[in-house]
N, C-alpha and C. Protein backbone atom coordinates (compact mmCIF):
# COMPACT_ATOMS: atom_id res chain seq x y z
N MET A 1 73.49 85.37 74.68
CA MET A 1 72.67 86.74 74.14
C MET A 1 73.81 87.51 73.95
N ASP A 2 74.85 88.18 75.20
CA ASP A 2 75.14 89.75 75.25
C ASP A 2 74.70 90.28 74.68
N LEU A 3 73.67 90.80 75.67
CA LEU A 3 72.93 92.17 76.46
C LEU A 3 73.68 92.52 77.90
N GLY A 4 73.43 93.66 76.85
CA GLY A 4 73.37 94.50 78.36
C GLY A 4 74.86 95.46 78.40
N PRO A 5 75.54 96.59 78.95
CA PRO A 5 76.76 96.41 78.90
C PRO A 5 77.61 95.65 79.25
N THR A 6 78.81 96.33 78.62
CA THR A 6 80.02 95.17 78.66
C THR A 6 81.53 96.67 78.82
N GLY A 7 82.44 96.17 79.86
CA GLY A 7 83.48 96.34 79.64
C GLY A 7 84.27 96.10 80.01
N PHE A 8 85.78 96.07 80.49
CA PHE A 8 87.38 95.87 81.09
C PHE A 8 88.15 97.29 82.16
N VAL A 9 88.26 96.45 82.85
CA VAL A 9 89.40 97.23 84.41
C VAL A 9 91.03 96.20 83.98
N ASP A 10 91.77 98.22 83.28
CA ASP A 10 92.96 98.03 83.33
C ASP A 10 93.75 98.12 85.00
N VAL A 11 94.53 96.99 85.84
CA VAL A 11 95.28 97.39 86.82
C VAL A 11 96.79 97.10 86.35
N ASP A 12 97.17 98.47 86.65
CA ASP A 12 99.11 98.68 86.36
C ASP A 12 99.60 99.34 88.15
N VAL A 13 100.12 98.54 87.82
CA VAL A 13 101.08 98.47 89.52
C VAL A 13 102.12 98.60 89.05
N ALA A 14 103.56 99.31 88.92
CA ALA A 14 104.64 100.03 88.80
C ALA A 14 105.97 99.36 89.18
N THR A 15 105.93 99.32 90.43
CA THR A 15 106.54 98.51 91.22
C THR A 15 105.99 98.03 92.47
N MET A 16 107.07 97.00 93.17
CA MET A 16 105.94 96.71 94.14
C MET A 16 107.69 96.44 95.13
N THR A 17 107.01 96.34 96.91
CA THR A 17 108.24 96.30 97.33
C THR A 17 108.31 95.63 98.08
N PHE A 18 109.50 94.54 99.03
CA PHE A 18 108.54 94.02 99.90
C PHE A 18 109.76 93.37 100.56
N THR A 19 109.81 93.80 102.46
CA THR A 19 110.45 93.27 103.07
C THR A 19 110.35 91.23 103.77
N SER A 20 110.89 90.84 104.01
CA SER A 20 110.74 89.01 103.74
C SER A 20 112.16 88.56 104.83
N GLU A 21 110.65 87.54 105.54
CA GLU A 21 112.52 86.81 106.16
C GLU A 21 112.24 85.24 106.61
N PHE A 22 112.98 84.19 106.29
CA PHE A 22 112.48 83.43 106.50
C PHE A 22 113.96 82.23 107.19
N ILE A 23 113.44 81.64 107.74
CA ILE A 23 114.53 80.98 108.70
C ILE A 23 114.14 78.70 107.89
N ILE A 24 115.33 79.15 107.67
CA ILE A 24 115.41 77.32 106.82
C ILE A 24 116.07 76.51 108.24
N ASP A 25 115.65 75.48 107.82
CA ASP A 25 116.33 74.20 108.82
C ASP A 25 116.78 73.43 108.30
N LEU A 26 117.89 73.74 108.28
CA LEU A 26 118.93 72.58 107.31
C LEU A 26 118.88 71.28 107.80
N THR A 27 118.42 70.63 109.05
CA THR A 27 118.53 69.17 109.34
C THR A 27 117.18 68.21 108.75
N ASP A 28 115.87 69.13 108.94
CA ASP A 28 114.53 68.72 108.96
C ASP A 28 114.59 69.21 107.25
N PHE A 29 115.04 70.46 106.64
CA PHE A 29 114.66 70.86 105.08
C PHE A 29 113.13 71.45 105.46
N TYR A 30 112.95 72.20 106.34
CA TYR A 30 111.56 73.24 107.05
C TYR A 30 111.95 74.37 106.72
N ILE A 31 111.06 74.91 106.51
CA ILE A 31 111.26 76.62 105.64
C ILE A 31 110.20 77.35 107.28
N TRP A 32 110.35 78.68 107.60
CA TRP A 32 109.50 79.05 108.24
C TRP A 32 109.69 80.55 108.05
N MET A 33 108.77 80.70 107.29
CA MET A 33 108.33 82.34 107.05
C MET A 33 108.14 83.46 108.89
N GLN A 34 109.47 84.32 108.49
CA GLN A 34 109.87 84.81 110.03
C GLN A 34 108.53 86.45 109.91
N ASP A 35 108.87 86.90 108.74
CA ASP A 35 108.28 87.86 108.26
C ASP A 35 108.14 88.33 107.25
N PHE A 36 107.06 89.03 106.68
CA PHE A 36 106.37 89.30 105.38
C PHE A 36 105.62 90.55 105.18
N ARG A 37 106.17 91.70 104.68
CA ARG A 37 105.88 92.87 104.56
C ARG A 37 105.57 93.70 103.20
N LEU A 38 104.47 94.17 102.72
CA LEU A 38 104.41 94.52 101.34
C LEU A 38 104.79 96.09 102.15
N THR A 39 106.38 96.86 101.43
CA THR A 39 106.10 98.01 102.20
C THR A 39 105.78 99.26 101.16
N ASN A 40 105.83 98.81 99.02
CA ASN A 40 106.12 100.32 98.79
C ASN A 40 104.89 99.38 97.92
N MET A 41 103.89 99.74 97.55
CA MET A 41 103.05 98.79 96.14
C MET A 41 103.25 100.30 94.73
N GLY A 42 104.26 100.94 94.74
CA GLY A 42 104.45 101.74 93.81
C GLY A 42 103.27 103.08 93.21
N ASN A 43 103.32 102.46 91.90
CA ASN A 43 102.40 103.70 91.26
C ASN A 43 101.68 102.82 90.44
N LEU A 44 100.05 102.16 91.15
CA LEU A 44 98.88 101.55 91.31
C LEU A 44 98.04 103.23 90.56
N ASN A 45 98.04 102.02 89.08
CA ASN A 45 96.33 102.88 88.45
C ASN A 45 95.98 101.64 87.76
N ILE A 46 94.40 101.94 88.30
CA ILE A 46 92.77 101.18 87.60
C ILE A 46 92.18 102.37 87.06
N ARG A 47 92.26 101.39 86.02
CA ARG A 47 91.47 102.48 85.14
C ARG A 47 90.00 101.50 83.90
N PHE A 48 88.49 101.95 83.98
CA PHE A 48 87.93 101.65 83.31
C PHE A 48 87.91 101.84 81.96
N ARG A 49 87.32 100.83 80.96
CA ARG A 49 87.19 101.05 79.86
C ARG A 49 86.51 100.53 79.03
N GLY A 50 85.12 100.56 78.40
CA GLY A 50 84.39 99.61 77.68
C GLY A 50 82.80 100.53 77.73
N ASN A 51 82.73 101.60 78.58
CA ASN A 51 81.35 101.92 77.96
C ASN A 51 81.66 104.25 78.09
N VAL A 52 81.53 103.84 77.26
CA VAL A 52 82.51 105.83 76.60
C VAL A 52 81.26 106.61 77.45
N LEU A 53 80.19 106.68 78.08
CA LEU A 53 79.49 107.58 78.47
C LEU A 53 79.56 107.44 79.99
N VAL A 54 80.78 107.13 80.78
CA VAL A 54 80.57 106.98 81.98
C VAL A 54 81.53 106.37 83.20
N ASP A 55 83.13 106.32 81.44
CA ASP A 55 84.26 105.81 81.85
C ASP A 55 84.92 107.01 82.20
N TRP A 56 84.53 108.64 81.64
CA TRP A 56 85.33 109.16 82.42
C TRP A 56 85.34 109.44 83.83
N LEU A 57 83.82 109.43 84.44
CA LEU A 57 83.38 109.51 85.19
C LEU A 57 83.67 108.68 86.73
N THR A 58 84.07 107.24 86.08
CA THR A 58 84.29 106.70 86.71
C THR A 58 85.60 105.91 86.91
N ASN A 59 86.58 106.92 86.35
CA ASN A 59 88.22 106.70 86.62
C ASN A 59 87.93 108.08 87.02
N ILE A 60 87.41 108.84 87.35
CA ILE A 60 88.02 110.01 88.71
C ILE A 60 87.40 109.63 89.69
N PHE A 61 86.78 109.00 89.85
CA PHE A 61 85.96 108.54 90.64
C PHE A 61 87.15 107.34 91.99
N VAL A 62 86.90 106.66 90.74
CA VAL A 62 88.41 105.98 91.08
C VAL A 62 88.98 106.43 91.69
N ASN A 63 89.99 107.23 91.07
CA ASN A 63 91.40 107.81 91.14
C ASN A 63 91.37 108.25 92.76
N ILE A 64 90.36 108.62 93.04
CA ILE A 64 90.25 109.13 94.54
C ILE A 64 89.66 108.64 95.43
N ILE A 65 89.23 107.07 95.29
CA ILE A 65 89.23 105.84 96.04
C ILE A 65 90.64 105.74 96.23
N THR A 66 91.21 105.65 95.51
CA THR A 66 92.11 104.74 95.23
C THR A 66 93.57 105.54 96.32
N THR A 67 93.84 107.11 95.72
CA THR A 67 93.79 107.15 97.03
C THR A 67 94.03 107.98 98.25
N VAL A 68 93.21 107.59 98.72
CA VAL A 68 92.65 107.98 100.47
C VAL A 68 92.34 106.58 100.77
N PHE A 69 92.39 105.61 99.92
CA PHE A 69 92.58 104.30 100.70
C PHE A 69 94.27 103.27 100.05
N ARG A 70 95.01 104.56 99.40
CA ARG A 70 96.04 103.66 99.51
C ARG A 70 96.42 102.46 100.75
N ASN A 71 96.95 102.96 101.92
CA ASN A 71 97.71 102.27 102.54
C ASN A 71 96.54 100.86 102.65
N THR A 72 95.29 101.60 103.15
CA THR A 72 94.71 99.75 102.92
C THR A 72 94.57 98.76 102.31
N ILE A 73 94.90 99.79 100.95
CA ILE A 73 94.69 98.70 99.35
C ILE A 73 96.22 98.00 99.65
N THR A 74 97.45 98.41 99.89
CA THR A 74 98.61 97.69 100.43
C THR A 74 98.98 96.71 101.59
N ASN A 75 97.69 96.79 102.34
CA ASN A 75 97.37 96.17 103.22
C ASN A 75 96.46 94.88 103.20
N VAL A 76 95.58 95.14 102.61
CA VAL A 76 95.15 93.27 101.91
C VAL A 76 95.39 93.16 100.60
N VAL A 77 96.65 93.60 99.48
CA VAL A 77 97.27 92.84 98.82
C VAL A 77 98.45 92.69 99.44
N SER A 78 99.02 93.02 100.64
CA SER A 78 100.13 92.35 101.68
C SER A 78 99.70 90.78 102.11
N ASN A 79 98.92 91.24 102.96
CA ASN A 79 97.90 89.86 103.68
C ASN A 79 97.64 89.07 102.20
N GLY A 80 96.99 88.85 101.49
CA GLY A 80 97.08 88.02 100.79
C GLY A 80 98.24 87.42 99.69
N ILE A 81 99.24 88.31 99.69
CA ILE A 81 100.38 86.87 99.64
C ILE A 81 101.35 86.62 100.73
N HIS A 82 100.76 87.54 101.05
CA HIS A 82 101.40 86.23 103.21
C HIS A 82 101.26 85.31 103.55
N ASP A 83 99.76 85.65 103.21
CA ASP A 83 99.15 84.46 103.07
C ASP A 83 98.91 83.25 102.02
N PHE A 84 99.81 83.08 100.80
CA PHE A 84 99.91 81.87 99.67
C PHE A 84 101.10 81.68 99.72
N ILE A 85 102.52 82.77 100.40
CA ILE A 85 103.25 82.34 100.69
C ILE A 85 103.43 81.29 101.49
N GLN A 86 102.18 81.89 103.26
CA GLN A 86 102.51 80.89 103.85
C GLN A 86 101.88 79.35 103.50
N ALA A 87 100.71 79.45 103.01
CA ALA A 87 100.56 78.20 102.91
C ALA A 87 101.24 76.60 101.06
N THR A 88 101.89 77.86 100.63
CA THR A 88 102.67 77.11 100.31
C THR A 88 104.16 76.97 101.13
N LEU A 89 104.53 77.69 101.72
CA LEU A 89 105.21 77.00 102.54
C LEU A 89 104.75 75.86 103.53
N ASP A 90 103.77 76.19 104.08
CA ASP A 90 102.98 74.39 104.83
C ASP A 90 102.77 73.39 104.07
N GLU A 91 102.75 74.02 102.94
CA GLU A 91 102.09 73.08 101.59
C GLU A 91 103.62 71.79 101.26
N MET A 92 104.68 72.65 101.09
CA MET A 92 106.05 72.01 101.01
C MET A 92 106.28 71.26 102.26
N ASN A 93 105.63 72.14 103.62
CA ASN A 93 106.49 71.08 104.83
C ASN A 93 105.67 70.65 104.94
N GLY A 94 104.58 70.05 104.15
CA GLY A 94 103.71 68.79 104.98
C GLY A 94 104.52 68.00 104.13
N ARG A 95 104.71 68.01 101.79
CA ARG A 95 104.55 67.32 101.88
C ARG A 95 106.58 66.60 102.55
N LEU A 96 107.55 66.79 103.23
CA LEU A 96 108.29 66.60 103.22
C LEU A 96 108.43 66.23 104.46
N ARG A 97 107.69 66.29 105.37
CA ARG A 97 107.51 65.72 107.11
C ARG A 97 107.61 64.55 105.95
N GLY A 98 108.60 63.94 107.17
CA GLY A 98 108.98 61.89 107.63
C GLY A 98 109.47 61.79 106.54
N ARG A 99 110.66 62.45 105.32
CA ARG A 99 110.86 62.11 104.28
C ARG A 99 112.21 61.89 104.59
N ALA A 100 112.92 61.33 103.87
CA ALA A 100 114.45 62.26 103.73
C ALA A 100 114.95 62.83 102.52
N MET A 101 115.14 63.24 102.91
CA MET A 101 115.78 64.52 101.07
C MET A 101 116.86 65.03 100.90
N THR A 102 117.69 63.59 99.94
CA THR A 102 118.83 64.04 99.53
C THR A 102 119.29 65.25 98.86
N GLU A 103 120.18 65.40 98.60
CA GLU A 103 121.27 66.77 98.98
C GLU A 103 120.99 67.72 97.42
N GLN A 104 120.90 66.94 96.73
CA GLN A 104 120.09 67.61 94.92
C GLN A 104 118.89 67.99 94.86
N GLU A 105 117.54 67.46 95.50
CA GLU A 105 117.00 67.82 96.09
C GLU A 105 116.89 69.38 96.64
N ALA A 106 117.27 69.43 97.58
CA ALA A 106 117.62 70.52 98.58
C ALA A 106 118.89 71.48 97.82
N ALA A 107 119.14 70.84 97.27
CA ALA A 107 120.18 72.33 96.39
C ALA A 107 119.08 72.53 95.76
N VAL A 108 117.96 72.31 94.69
CA VAL A 108 117.27 72.89 93.73
C VAL A 108 116.47 73.34 94.84
N LEU A 109 115.66 73.25 95.54
CA LEU A 109 114.68 73.78 96.59
C LEU A 109 114.82 75.11 97.10
N ILE A 110 116.92 74.56 97.47
CA ILE A 110 117.24 75.94 97.59
C ILE A 110 117.97 77.95 96.31
N GLU A 111 117.76 76.61 95.64
CA GLU A 111 118.20 77.66 93.76
C GLU A 111 116.89 78.11 94.09
N ASN A 112 115.73 77.65 94.05
CA ASN A 112 114.50 77.81 93.45
C ASN A 112 113.48 79.31 94.69
N LEU A 113 114.14 79.16 95.47
CA LEU A 113 113.69 80.21 96.51
C LEU A 113 114.55 81.62 96.59
N LYS A 114 115.75 80.58 96.26
CA LYS A 114 116.35 82.22 95.91
C LYS A 114 116.47 82.88 94.47
N LYS A 115 115.43 81.42 93.54
CA LYS A 115 114.90 83.08 92.22
C LYS A 115 113.37 83.88 92.29
N MET A 116 113.75 82.45 93.92
CA MET A 116 111.51 83.29 93.69
C MET A 116 111.99 84.80 94.57
N LEU A 117 113.25 84.42 95.43
CA LEU A 117 112.99 86.24 96.39
C LEU A 117 113.81 86.89 95.71
N THR A 118 114.64 86.68 94.43
CA THR A 118 115.40 88.11 93.67
C THR A 118 114.55 88.88 92.42
N ASN A 119 113.71 87.75 92.74
CA ASN A 119 113.47 88.28 91.13
C ASN A 119 111.45 88.78 91.48
């Protein structure tokens, strides 16, 4: 029936800068994340649209909230990304446990990590 108001939320982050440190044990092919921090979230822009009557007021309120709580938002996003990367590494390490890895598989894994960290 689609009764009631509808709208959209546009979120734009211009740049994200993070620092990370990984330890790779080439004997057992295990990877540990030593450190991960989101150091800069760049220009964070959140816009509501779809309801002409209140969008302008909502956007003013959201701009104030994002300015005041910028550090908190950055920490929440950083923790979420950290947890995602850690879970991915745990899954990778779990799949490799007790399994010998060929040199070609190790090379592909290292190349994929390089791509992930440079892009």
